């Protein structure tokens, strides 16, 4: 179970909140609201980018992924995106990484 944090409400009652952790983040699926999914996706990308170089195609595609307002079903693709970024981290093919798109662009 995740960690808990206690805080006081305006009526001086103690309330316990769950603190977000990466294990919970990766489990979010279609049932979560779109706002929650977007926030969790940004959290995943921020954690991933801490271990990457600061300026290359790989980090640009992750930034695009974090800023895109994609449908909540796209959140299921996040673990695959993380795996791809980890595999390409030491590879010379990192210049061929293209920005993530949630669906094909219409012409």
PDB file of N, CA and C in Angstrom:
ATOM      1  N   UNK A   1       0.842  -1.176   0.000  1.00  0.00           N
ATOM      2  CA  UNK A   1       0.000   0.000   0.000  1.00  0.00           C
ATOM      3  C   UNK A   1       0.893   1.248   0.000  1.00  0.00           C
ATOM      4  N   UNK A   2       0.380   2.342  -0.528  1.00  0.00           N
ATOM      5  CA  UNK A   2       1.158   3.562  -0.599  1.00  0.00           C
ATOM      6  C   UNK A   2       1.307   4.236   0.749  1.00  0.00           C
ATOM      7  N   UNK A   3       2.216   5.195   0.777  1.00  0.00           N
ATOM      8  CA  UNK A   3       2.402   5.955   2.008  1.00  0.00           C
ATOM      9  C   UNK A   3       1.213   6.862   2.241  1.00  0.00           C
ATOM     10  N   UNK A   4       1.042   7.284   3.484  1.00  0.00           N
ATOM     11  CA  UNK A   4      -0.058   8.181   3.829  1.00  0.00           C
ATOM     12  C   UNK A   4       0.490   9.438   4.479  1.00  0.00           C
ATOM     13  N   UNK A   5      -0.208  10.527   4.269  1.00  0.00           N
ATOM     14  CA  UNK A   5       0.192  11.812   4.825  1.00  0.00           C
ATOM     15  C   UNK A   5      -1.015  12.403   5.543  1.00  0.00           C
ATOM     16  N   UNK A   6      -0.793  12.893   6.745  1.00  0.00           N
ATOM     17  CA  UNK A   6      -1.886  13.436   7.544  1.00  0.00           C
ATOM     18  C   UNK A   6      -1.869  14.957   7.484  1.00  0.00           C
ATOM     19  N   UNK A   7      -3.050  15.553   7.351  1.00  0.00           N
ATOM     20  CA  UNK A   7      -3.147  17.010   7.360  1.00  0.00           C
ATOM     21  C   UNK A   7      -4.429  17.425   8.068  1.00  0.00           C
ATOM     22  N   UNK A   8      -4.465  18.687   8.481  1.00  0.00           N
ATOM     23  CA  UNK A   8      -5.642  19.217   9.170  1.00  0.00           C
ATOM     24  C   UNK A   8      -6.546  19.936   8.180  1.00  0.00           C
ATOM     25  N   UNK A   9      -7.847  19.764   8.331  1.00  0.00           N
ATOM     26  CA  UNK A   9      -8.801  20.489   7.497  1.00  0.00           C
ATOM     27  C   UNK A   9      -9.114  21.822   8.157  1.00  0.00           C
ATOM     28  N   UNK A  10      -9.967  22.611   7.507  1.00  0.00           N
ATOM     29  CA  UNK A  10     -10.338  23.912   8.068  1.00  0.00           C
ATOM     30  C   UNK A  10     -11.125  23.762   9.372  1.00  0.00           C
ATOM     31  N   UNK A  11     -11.693  22.583   9.622  1.00  0.00           N
ATOM     32  CA  UNK A  11     -12.445  22.363  10.855  1.00  0.00           C
ATOM     33  C   UNK A  11     -11.616  21.605  11.892  1.00  0.00           C
ATOM     34  N   UNK A  12     -10.299  21.639  11.735  1.00  0.00           N
ATOM     35  CA  UNK A  12      -9.353  21.007  12.659  1.00  0.00           C
ATOM     36  C   UNK A  12      -9.576  19.500  12.827  1.00  0.00           C
ATOM     37  N   UNK A  13     -10.004  18.859  11.768  1.00  0.00           N
ATOM     38  CA  UNK A  13     -10.106  17.405  11.789  1.00  0.00           C
ATOM     39  C   UNK A  13      -8.918  16.813  11.065  1.00  0.00           C
ATOM     40  N   UNK A  14      -8.475  15.679  11.539  1.00  0.00           N
ATOM     41  CA  UNK A  14      -7.339  15.000  10.923  1.00  0.00           C
ATOM     42  C   UNK A  14      -7.821  14.198   9.712  1.00  0.00           C
ATOM     43  N   UNK A  15      -7.160  14.378   8.579  1.00  0.00           N
ATOM     44  CA  UNK A  15      -7.516  13.652   7.360  1.00  0.00           C
ATOM     45  C   UNK A  15      -6.267  12.984   6.824  1.00  0.00           C
ATOM     46  N   UNK A  16      -6.403  11.750   6.376  1.00  0.00           N
ATOM     47  CA  UNK A  16      -5.266  11.014   5.816  1.00  0.00           C
ATOM     48  C   UNK A  16      -5.379  10.998   4.299  1.00  0.00           C
ATOM     49  N   UNK A  17      -4.290  11.376   3.629  1.00  0.00           N
ATOM     50  CA  UNK A  17      -4.229  11.376   2.167  1.00  0.00           C
ATOM     51  C   UNK A  17      -3.208  10.349   1.714  1.00  0.00           C
ATOM     52  N   UNK A  18      -3.488   9.706   0.578  1.00  0.00           N
ATOM     53  CA  UNK A  18      -2.495   8.808  -0.001  1.00  0.00           C
ATOM     54  C   UNK A  18      -1.482   9.631  -0.786  1.00  0.00           C
ATOM     55  N   UNK A  19      -0.205   9.304  -0.648  1.00  0.00           N
ATOM     56  CA  UNK A  19       0.855   9.985  -1.372  1.00  0.00           C
ATOM     57  C   UNK A  19       1.141   9.186  -2.639  1.00  0.00           C
ATOM     58  N   UNK A  20       1.214   9.877  -3.781  1.00  0.00           N
ATOM     59  CA  UNK A  20       1.445   9.202  -5.057  1.00  0.00           C
ATOM     60  C   UNK A  20       2.833   8.580  -5.091  1.00  0.00           C
ATOM     61  N   UNK A  21       2.908   7.346  -5.523  1.00  0.00           N
ATOM     62  CA  UNK A  21       4.206   6.727  -5.774  1.00  0.00           C
ATOM     63  C   UNK A  21       4.179   6.081  -7.148  1.00  0.00           C
ATOM     64  N   UNK A  22       5.342   5.696  -7.660  1.00  0.00           N
ATOM     65  CA  UNK A  22       5.452   5.212  -9.033  1.00  0.00           C
ATOM     66  C   UNK A  22       4.673   3.927  -9.249  1.00  0.00           C
ATOM     67  N   UNK A  23       4.622   3.040  -8.241  1.00  0.00           N
ATOM     68  CA  UNK A  23       3.878   1.788  -8.421  1.00  0.00           C
ATOM     69  C   UNK A  23       2.403   2.066  -8.681  1.00  0.00           C
ATOM     70  N   UNK A  24       1.825   3.009  -7.955  1.00  0.00           N
ATOM     71  CA  UNK A  24       0.421   3.366  -8.163  1.00  0.00           C
ATOM     72  C   UNK A  24       0.251   4.046  -9.517  1.00  0.00           C
ATOM     73  N   UNK A  25       1.226   4.878  -9.878  1.00  0.00           N
ATOM     74  CA  UNK A  25       1.163   5.618 -11.128  1.00  0.00           C
ATOM     75  C   UNK A  25       1.044   4.687 -12.326  1.00  0.00           C
ATOM     76  N   UNK A  26       1.818   3.613 -12.342  1.00  0.00           N
ATOM     77  CA  UNK A  26       1.818   2.718 -13.492  1.00  0.00           C
ATOM     78  C   UNK A  26       0.546   1.886 -13.588  1.00  0.00           C
ATOM     79  N   UNK A  27      -0.233   1.825 -12.518  1.00  0.00           N
ATOM     80  CA  UNK A  27      -1.447   1.012 -12.527  1.00  0.00           C
ATOM     81  C   UNK A  27      -2.677   1.777 -12.995  1.00  0.00           C
ATOM     82  N   UNK A  28      -2.555   3.085 -13.183  1.00  0.00           N
ATOM     83  CA  UNK A  28      -3.721   3.875 -13.583  1.00  0.00           C
ATOM     84  C   UNK A  28      -4.134   3.475 -14.994  1.00  0.00           C
ATOM     85  N   UNK A  29      -5.392   3.208 -15.199  1.00  0.00           N
ATOM     86  CA  UNK A  29      -5.922   2.785 -16.501  1.00  0.00           C
ATOM     87  C   UNK A  29      -7.111   3.664 -16.877  1.00  0.00           C
ATOM     88  N   UNK A  30      -8.030   3.157 -17.630  1.00  0.00           N
ATOM     89  CA  UNK A  30      -9.145   3.939 -18.154  1.00  0.00           C
ATOM     90  C   UNK A  30     -10.103   4.436 -17.087  1.00  0.00           C
ATOM     91  N   UNK A  31     -10.132   3.821 -15.936  1.00  0.00           N
ATOM     92  CA  UNK A  31     -11.096   4.221 -14.906  1.00  0.00           C
ATOM     93  C   UNK A  31     -10.785   5.593 -14.305  1.00  0.00           C
ATOM     94  N   UNK A  32      -9.544   6.022 -14.367  1.00  0.00           N
ATOM     95  CA  UNK A  32      -9.160   7.309 -13.779  1.00  0.00           C
ATOM     96  C   UNK A  32      -9.665   8.451 -14.658  1.00  0.00           C
ATOM     97  N   UNK A  33      -9.840   9.602 -14.048  1.00  0.00           N
ATOM     98  CA  UNK A  33     -10.278  10.767 -14.819  1.00  0.00           C
ATOM     99  C   UNK A  33      -9.143  11.233 -15.726  1.00  0.00           C
ATOM    100  N   UNK A  34      -9.497  11.986 -16.745  1.00  0.00           N
ATOM    101  CA  UNK A  34      -8.500  12.461 -17.700  1.00  0.00           C
ATOM    102  C   UNK A  34      -7.473  13.364 -17.020  1.00  0.00           C
ATOM    103  N   UNK A  35      -7.922  14.227 -16.116  1.00  0.00           N
ATOM    104  CA  UNK A  35      -7.005  15.118 -15.400  1.00  0.00           C
ATOM    105  C   UNK A  35      -6.012  14.319 -14.576  1.00  0.00           C
ATOM    106  N   UNK A  36      -6.485  13.294 -13.889  1.00  0.00           N
ATOM    107  CA  UNK A  36      -5.593  12.455 -13.082  1.00  0.00           C
ATOM    108  C   UNK A  36      -4.595  11.734 -13.968  1.00  0.00           C
ATOM    109  N   UNK A  37      -5.048  11.236 -15.109  1.00  0.00           N
ATOM    110  CA  UNK A  37      -4.151  10.532 -16.025  1.00  0.00           C
ATOM    111  C   UNK A  37      -3.071  11.469 -16.555  1.00  0.00           C
ATOM    112  N   UNK A  38      -3.456  12.699 -16.925  1.00  0.00           N
ATOM    113  CA  UNK A  38      -2.474  13.667 -17.414  1.00  0.00           C
ATOM    114  C   UNK A  38      -1.436  13.975 -16.346  1.00  0.00           C
ATOM    115  N   UNK A  39      -1.880  14.159 -15.117  1.00  0.00           N
ATOM    116  CA  UNK A  39      -0.951  14.457 -14.023  1.00  0.00           C
ATOM    117  C   UNK A  39      -0.019  13.281 -13.765  1.00  0.00           C
ATOM    118  N   UNK A  40      -0.553  12.072 -13.788  1.00  0.00           N
ATOM    119  CA  UNK A  40       0.278  10.894 -13.552  1.00  0.00           C
ATOM    120  C   UNK A  40       1.267  10.701 -14.694  1.00  0.00           C
ATOM    121  N   UNK A  41       0.845  10.995 -15.931  1.00  0.00           N
ATOM    122  CA  UNK A  41       1.749  10.860 -17.073  1.00  0.00           C
ATOM    123  C   UNK A  41       2.908  11.844 -16.938  1.00  0.00           C
ATOM    124  N   UNK A  42       2.607  13.083 -16.517  1.00  0.00           N
ATOM    125  CA  UNK A  42       3.681  14.058 -16.317  1.00  0.00           C
ATOM    126  C   UNK A  42       4.640  13.601 -15.225  1.00  0.00           C
ATOM    127  N   UNK A  43       4.116  12.979 -14.167  1.00  0.00           N
ATOM    128  CA  UNK A  43       4.966  12.468 -13.089  1.00  0.00           C
ATOM    129  C   UNK A  43       5.913  11.402 -13.617  1.00  0.00           C
ATOM    130  N   UNK A  44       5.402  10.480 -14.420  1.00  0.00           N
ATOM    131  CA  UNK A  44       6.238   9.418 -14.989  1.00  0.00           C
ATOM    132  C   UNK A  44       7.339  10.017 -15.846  1.00  0.00           C
ATOM    133  N   UNK A  45       7.001  10.983 -16.686  1.00  0.00           N
ATOM    134  CA  UNK A  45       7.984  11.583 -17.578  1.00  0.00           C
ATOM    135  C   UNK A  45       9.041  12.335 -16.784  1.00  0.00           C
ATOM    136  N   UNK A  46       8.644  13.061 -15.749  1.00  0.00           N
ATOM    137  CA  UNK A  46       9.618  13.786 -14.929  1.00  0.00           C
ATOM    138  C   UNK A  46      10.592  12.830 -14.262  1.00  0.00           C
ATOM    139  N   UNK A  47      10.091  11.722 -13.742  1.00  0.00           N
ATOM    140  CA  UNK A  47      10.965  10.734 -13.101  1.00  0.00           C
ATOM    141  C   UNK A  47      11.928  10.139 -14.117  1.00  0.00           C
ATOM    142  N   UNK A  48      11.434   9.849 -15.315  1.00  0.00           N
ATOM    143  CA  UNK A  48      12.267   9.262 -16.361  1.00  0.00           C
ATOM    144  C   UNK A  48      13.331  10.236 -16.831  1.00  0.00           C
ATOM    145  N   UNK A  49      12.960  11.507 -16.999  1.00  0.00           N
ATOM    146  CA  UNK A  49      13.900  12.485 -17.541  1.00  0.00           C
ATOM    147  C   UNK A  49      15.051  12.791 -16.596  1.00  0.00           C
ATOM    148  N   UNK A  50      14.894  12.514 -15.324  1.00  0.00           N
ATOM    149  CA  UNK A  50      15.999  12.746 -14.386  1.00  0.00           C
ATOM    150  C   UNK A  50      17.212  11.901 -14.732  1.00  0.00           C
ATOM    151  N   UNK A  51      16.987  10.739 -15.344  1.00  0.00           N
ATOM    152  CA  UNK A  51      18.096   9.851 -15.688  1.00  0.00           C
ATOM    153  C   UNK A  51      18.596  10.001 -17.105  1.00  0.00           C
ATOM    154  N   UNK A  52      18.035  10.915 -17.901  1.00  0.00           N
ATOM    155  CA  UNK A  52      18.419  11.075 -19.300  1.00  0.00           C
ATOM    156  C   UNK A  52      19.225  12.352 -19.500  1.00  0.00           C
ATOM    157  N   UNK A  53      19.911  12.418 -20.659  1.00  0.00           N
ATOM    158  CA  UNK A  53      20.600  13.653 -21.031  1.00  0.00           C
ATOM    159  C   UNK A  53      19.563  14.752 -21.223  1.00  0.00           C
ATOM    160  N   UNK A  54      20.004  16.004 -21.083  1.00  0.00           N
ATOM    161  CA  UNK A  54      19.035  17.097 -21.057  1.00  0.00           C
ATOM    162  C   UNK A  54      18.521  17.519 -22.425  1.00  0.00           C
ATOM    163  N   UNK A  55      19.299  17.370 -23.501  1.00  0.00           N
ATOM    164  CA  UNK A  55      18.819  17.881 -24.786  1.00  0.00           C
ATOM    165  C   UNK A  55      19.125  16.907 -25.913  1.00  0.00           C
ATOM    166  N   UNK A  56      18.172  16.099 -26.273  1.00  0.00           N
ATOM    167  CA  UNK A  56      18.259  15.248 -27.452  1.00  0.00           C
ATOM    168  C   UNK A  56      16.849  14.900 -27.897  1.00  0.00           C
ATOM    169  N   UNK A  57      16.734  14.165 -28.985  1.00  0.00           N
ATOM    170  CA  UNK A  57      15.408  13.824 -29.525  1.00  0.00           C
ATOM    171  C   UNK A  57      14.589  13.011 -28.538  1.00  0.00           C
ATOM    172  N   UNK A  58      15.279  12.206 -27.770  1.00  0.00           N
ATOM    173  CA  UNK A  58      14.587  11.336 -26.815  1.00  0.00           C
ATOM    174  C   UNK A  58      13.860  12.159 -25.752  1.00  0.00           C
ATOM    175  N   UNK A  59      14.540  13.128 -25.168  1.00  0.00           N
ATOM    176  CA  UNK A  59      13.899  13.942 -24.136  1.00  0.00           C
ATOM    177  C   UNK A  59      12.840  14.852 -24.740  1.00  0.00           C
ATOM    178  N   UNK A  60      13.058  15.307 -25.988  1.00  0.00           N
ATOM    179  CA  UNK A  60      12.033  16.120 -26.642  1.00  0.00           C
ATOM    180  C   UNK A  60      10.756  15.322 -26.855  1.00  0.00           C
ATOM    181  N   UNK A  61      10.890  14.043 -27.230  1.00  0.00           N
ATOM    182  CA  UNK A  61       9.684  13.231 -27.425  1.00  0.00           C
ATOM    183  C   UNK A  61       8.987  12.982 -26.092  1.00  0.00           C
ATOM    184  N   UNK A  62       9.765  12.828 -25.003  1.00  0.00           N
ATOM    185  CA  UNK A  62       9.150  12.650 -23.689  1.00  0.00           C
ATOM    186  C   UNK A  62       8.436  13.921 -23.239  1.00  0.00           C
ATOM    187  N   UNK A  63       9.036  15.083 -23.518  1.00  0.00           N
ATOM    188  CA  UNK A  63       8.383  16.344 -23.167  1.00  0.00           C
ATOM    189  C   UNK A  63       7.081  16.503 -23.945  1.00  0.00           C
ATOM    190  N   UNK A  64       7.107  16.110 -25.222  1.00  0.00           N
ATOM    191  CA  UNK A  64       5.890  16.176 -26.028  1.00  0.00           C
ATOM    192  C   UNK A  64       4.823  15.265 -25.431  1.00  0.00           C
ATOM    193  N   UNK A  65       5.229  14.080 -25.044  1.00  0.00           N
ATOM    194  CA  UNK A  65       4.305  13.114 -24.457  1.00  0.00           C
ATOM    195  C   UNK A  65       3.702  13.658 -23.166  1.00  0.00           C
ATOM    196  N   UNK A  66       4.516  14.335 -22.359  1.00  0.00           N
ATOM    197  CA  UNK A  66       4.035  14.878 -21.085  1.00  0.00           C
ATOM    198  C   UNK A  66       3.075  16.041 -21.297  1.00  0.00           C
ATOM    199  N   UNK A  67       3.310  16.839 -22.334  1.00  0.00           N
ATOM    200  CA  UNK A  67       2.489  18.029 -22.529  1.00  0.00           C
ATOM    201  C   UNK A  67       1.240  17.767 -23.359  1.00  0.00           C
ATOM    202  N   UNK A  68       1.206  16.663 -24.083  1.00  0.00           N
ATOM    203  CA  UNK A  68       0.054  16.369 -24.942  1.00  0.00           C
ATOM    204  C   UNK A  68      -1.171  16.057 -24.095  1.00  0.00           C
ATOM    205  N   UNK A  69      -2.296  16.565 -24.519  1.00  0.00           N
ATOM    206  CA  UNK A  69      -3.534  16.206 -23.821  1.00  0.00           C
ATOM    207  C   UNK A  69      -4.134  15.024 -24.565  1.00  0.00           C
ATOM    208  N   UNK A  70      -3.617  13.859 -24.287  1.00  0.00           N
ATOM    209  CA  UNK A  70      -4.036  12.636 -24.965  1.00  0.00           C
ATOM    210  C   UNK A  70      -5.222  12.026 -24.246  1.00  0.00           C
ATOM    211  N   UNK A  71      -5.996  11.185 -24.933  1.00  0.00           N
ATOM    212  CA  UNK A  71      -7.093  10.494 -24.252  1.00  0.00           C
ATOM    213  C   UNK A  71      -6.573   9.568 -23.170  1.00  0.00           C
ATOM    214  N   UNK A  72      -7.403   9.269 -22.180  1.00  0.00           N
ATOM    215  CA  UNK A  72      -6.946   8.474 -21.042  1.00  0.00           C
ATOM    216  C   UNK A  72      -6.506   7.075 -21.437  1.00  0.00           C
ATOM    217  N   UNK A  73      -6.997   6.545 -22.562  1.00  0.00           N
ATOM    218  CA  UNK A  73      -6.571   5.209 -22.986  1.00  0.00           C
ATOM    219  C   UNK A  73      -5.100   5.195 -23.373  1.00  0.00           C
ATOM    220  N   UNK A  74      -4.527   6.362 -23.711  1.00  0.00           N
ATOM    221  CA  UNK A  74      -3.113   6.441 -24.073  1.00  0.00           C
ATOM    222  C   UNK A  74      -2.224   6.144 -22.881  1.00  0.00           C
ATOM    223  N   UNK A  75      -2.713   6.353 -21.668  1.00  0.00           N
ATOM    224  CA  UNK A  75      -1.906   6.126 -20.473  1.00  0.00           C
ATOM    225  C   UNK A  75      -1.429   4.679 -20.414  1.00  0.00           C
ATOM    226  N   UNK A  76      -2.172   3.762 -21.011  1.00  0.00           N
ATOM    227  CA  UNK A  76      -1.758   2.365 -21.020  1.00  0.00           C
ATOM    228  C   UNK A  76      -0.457   2.173 -21.783  1.00  0.00           C
ATOM    229  N   UNK A  77      -0.105   3.110 -22.675  1.00  0.00           N
ATOM    230  CA  UNK A  77       1.113   2.986 -23.461  1.00  0.00           C
ATOM    231  C   UNK A  77       2.336   3.524 -22.738  1.00  0.00           C
ATOM    232  N   UNK A  78       2.174   4.134 -21.590  1.00  0.00           N
ATOM    233  CA  UNK A  78       3.295   4.743 -20.881  1.00  0.00           C
ATOM    234  C   UNK A  78       4.390   3.741 -20.545  1.00  0.00           C
ATOM    235  N   UNK A  79       4.098   2.563 -19.984  1.00  0.00           N
ATOM    236  CA  UNK A  79       5.185   1.638 -19.690  1.00  0.00           C
ATOM    237  C   UNK A  79       5.999   1.269 -20.924  1.00  0.00           C
ATOM    238  N   UNK A  80       5.366   1.106 -22.087  1.00  0.00           N
ATOM    239  CA  UNK A  80       6.097   0.806 -23.318  1.00  0.00           C
ATOM    240  C   UNK A  80       6.989   1.980 -23.701  1.00  0.00           C
ATOM    241  N   UNK A  81       6.499   3.198 -23.524  1.00  0.00           N
ATOM    242  CA  UNK A  81       7.297   4.389 -23.821  1.00  0.00           C
ATOM    243  C   UNK A  81       8.514   4.446 -22.909  1.00  0.00           C
ATOM    244  N   UNK A  82       8.335   4.113 -21.632  1.00  0.00           N
ATOM    245  CA  UNK A  82       9.455   4.093 -20.699  1.00  0.00           C
ATOM    246  C   UNK A  82      10.467   3.032 -21.093  1.00  0.00           C
ATOM    247  N   UNK A  83      10.009   1.855 -21.473  1.00  0.00           N
ATOM    248  CA  UNK A  83      10.914   0.785 -21.879  1.00  0.00           C
ATOM    249  C   UNK A  83      11.712   1.202 -23.099  1.00  0.00           C
ATOM    250  N   UNK A  84      11.063   1.852 -24.061  1.00  0.00           N
ATOM    251  CA  UNK A  84      11.760   2.307 -25.259  1.00  0.00           C
ATOM    252  C   UNK A  84      12.825   3.337 -24.906  1.00  0.00           C
ATOM    253  N   UNK A  85      12.512   4.244 -23.989  1.00  0.00           N
ATOM    254  CA  UNK A  85      13.491   5.271 -23.628  1.00  0.00           C
ATOM    255  C   UNK A  85      14.685   4.669 -22.899  1.00  0.00           C
ATOM    256  N   UNK A  86      14.443   3.645 -22.099  1.00  0.00           N
ATOM    257  CA  UNK A  86      15.539   2.994 -21.382  1.00  0.00           C
ATOM    258  C   UNK A  86      16.424   2.226 -22.355  1.00  0.00           C
ATOM    259  N   UNK A  87      15.815   1.528 -23.333  1.00  0.00           N
ATOM    260  CA  UNK A  87      16.590   0.774 -24.317  1.00  0.00           C
ATOM    261  C   UNK A  87      17.439   1.696 -25.174  1.00  0.00           C
ATOM    262  N   UNK A  88      16.920   2.869 -25.527  1.00  0.00           N
ATOM    263  CA  UNK A  88      17.634   3.769 -26.425  1.00  0.00           C
ATOM    264  C   UNK A  88      18.621   4.681 -25.709  1.00  0.00           C
ATOM    265  N   UNK A  89      18.634   4.654 -24.390  1.00  0.00           N
ATOM    266  CA  UNK A  89      19.469   5.587 -23.627  1.00  0.00           C
ATOM    267  C   UNK A  89      20.933   5.522 -24.046  1.00  0.00           C
ATOM    268  N   UNK A  90      21.511   4.331 -24.153  1.00  0.00           N
ATOM    269  CA  UNK A  90      22.918   4.206 -24.508  1.00  0.00           C
ATOM    270  C   UNK A  90      23.131   3.930 -25.979  1.00  0.00           C
ATOM    271  N   UNK A  91      22.091   3.918 -26.772  1.00  0.00           N
ATOM    272  CA  UNK A  91      22.168   3.549 -28.178  1.00  0.00           C
ATOM    273  C   UNK A  91      22.556   4.739 -29.038  1.00  0.00           C
ATOM    274  N   UNK A  92      23.202   4.438 -30.172  1.00  0.00           N
ATOM    275  CA  UNK A  92      23.539   5.498 -31.122  1.00  0.00           C
ATOM    276  C   UNK A  92      22.342   5.847 -31.994  1.00  0.00           C
ATOM    277  N   UNK A  93      21.247   5.089 -31.899  1.00  0.00           N
ATOM    278  CA  UNK A  93      20.059   5.328 -32.705  1.00  0.00           C
ATOM    279  C   UNK A  93      19.118   6.344 -32.062  1.00  0.00           C
ATOM    280  N   UNK A  94      19.529   7.000 -31.002  1.00  0.00           N
ATOM    281  CA  UNK A  94      18.628   7.917 -30.297  1.00  0.00           C
ATOM    282  C   UNK A  94      18.194   9.088 -31.175  1.00  0.00           C
ATOM    283  N   UNK A  95      18.955   9.397 -32.238  1.00  0.00           N
ATOM    284  CA  UNK A  95      18.566  10.501 -33.109  1.00  0.00           C
ATOM    285  C   UNK A  95      17.372  10.144 -33.987  1.00  0.00           C
ATOM    286  N   UNK A  96      17.008   8.848 -34.062  1.00  0.00           N
ATOM    287  CA  UNK A  96      15.884   8.441 -34.902  1.00  0.00           C
ATOM    288  C   UNK A  96      14.567   8.387 -34.139  1.00  0.00           C
ATOM    289  N   UNK A  97      14.573   8.719 -32.861  1.00  0.00           N
ATOM    290  CA  UNK A  97      13.346   8.665 -32.067  1.00  0.00           C
ATOM    291  C   UNK A  97      12.417   9.788 -32.505  1.00  0.00           C
ATOM    292  N   UNK A  98      11.161   9.441 -32.800  1.00  0.00           N
ATOM    293  CA  UNK A  98      10.185  10.434 -33.232  1.00  0.00           C
ATOM    294  C   UNK A  98       9.242  10.749 -32.078  1.00  0.00           C
ATOM    295  N   UNK A  99       8.641  11.933 -32.061  1.00  0.00           N
ATOM    296  CA  UNK A  99       7.704  12.277 -30.982  1.00  0.00           C
ATOM    297  C   UNK A  99       6.547  11.290 -30.923  1.00  0.00           C
ATOM    298  N   UNK A 100       6.059  11.044 -29.733  1.00  0.00           N
ATOM    299  CA  UNK A 100       4.951  10.115 -29.510  1.00  0.00           C
ATOM    300  C   UNK A 100       3.654  10.734 -30.004  1.00  0.00           C
ATOM    301  N   UNK A 101       2.874   9.978 -30.739  1.00  0.00           N
ATOM    302  CA  UNK A 101       1.556  10.424 -31.195  1.00  0.00           C
ATOM    303  C   UNK A 101       0.523   9.435 -30.683  1.00  0.00           C
ATOM    304  N   UNK A 102      -0.560   9.932 -30.136  1.00  0.00           N
ATOM    305  CA  UNK A 102      -1.583   9.051 -29.594  1.00  0.00           C
ATOM    306  C   UNK A 102      -2.427   8.412 -30.689  1.00  0.00           C
ATOM    307  N   UNK A 103      -2.512   9.050 -31.851  1.00  0.00           N
ATOM    308  CA  UNK A 103      -3.274   8.480 -32.968  1.00  0.00           C
ATOM    309  C   UNK A 103      -2.726   9.066 -34.268  1.00  0.00           C
ATOM    310  N   UNK A 104      -2.962   8.413 -35.405  1.00  0.00           N
ATOM    311  CA  UNK A 104      -2.451   8.932 -36.684  1.00  0.00           C
ATOM    312  C   UNK A 104      -3.058  10.299 -37.001  1.00  0.00           C
ATOM    313  N   UNK A 105      -2.254  11.131 -37.603  1.00  0.00           N
ATOM    314  CA  UNK A 105      -2.740  12.451 -37.994  1.00  0.00           C
ATOM    315  C   UNK A 105      -3.590  12.326 -39.251  1.00  0.00           C
ATOM    316  N   UNK A 106      -4.692  13.041 -39.311  1.00  0.00           N
ATOM    317  CA  UNK A 106      -5.534  13.000 -40.511  1.00  0.00           C
ATOM    318  C   UNK A 106      -4.985  13.983 -41.533  1.00  0.00           C
ATOM    319  N   UNK A 107      -5.091  13.616 -42.794  1.00  0.00           N
ATOM    320  CA  UNK A 107      -4.528  14.478 -43.841  1.00  0.00           C
ATOM    321  C   UNK A 107      -5.557  15.369 -44.485  1.00  0.00           C
TER     322      UNK A 107
END
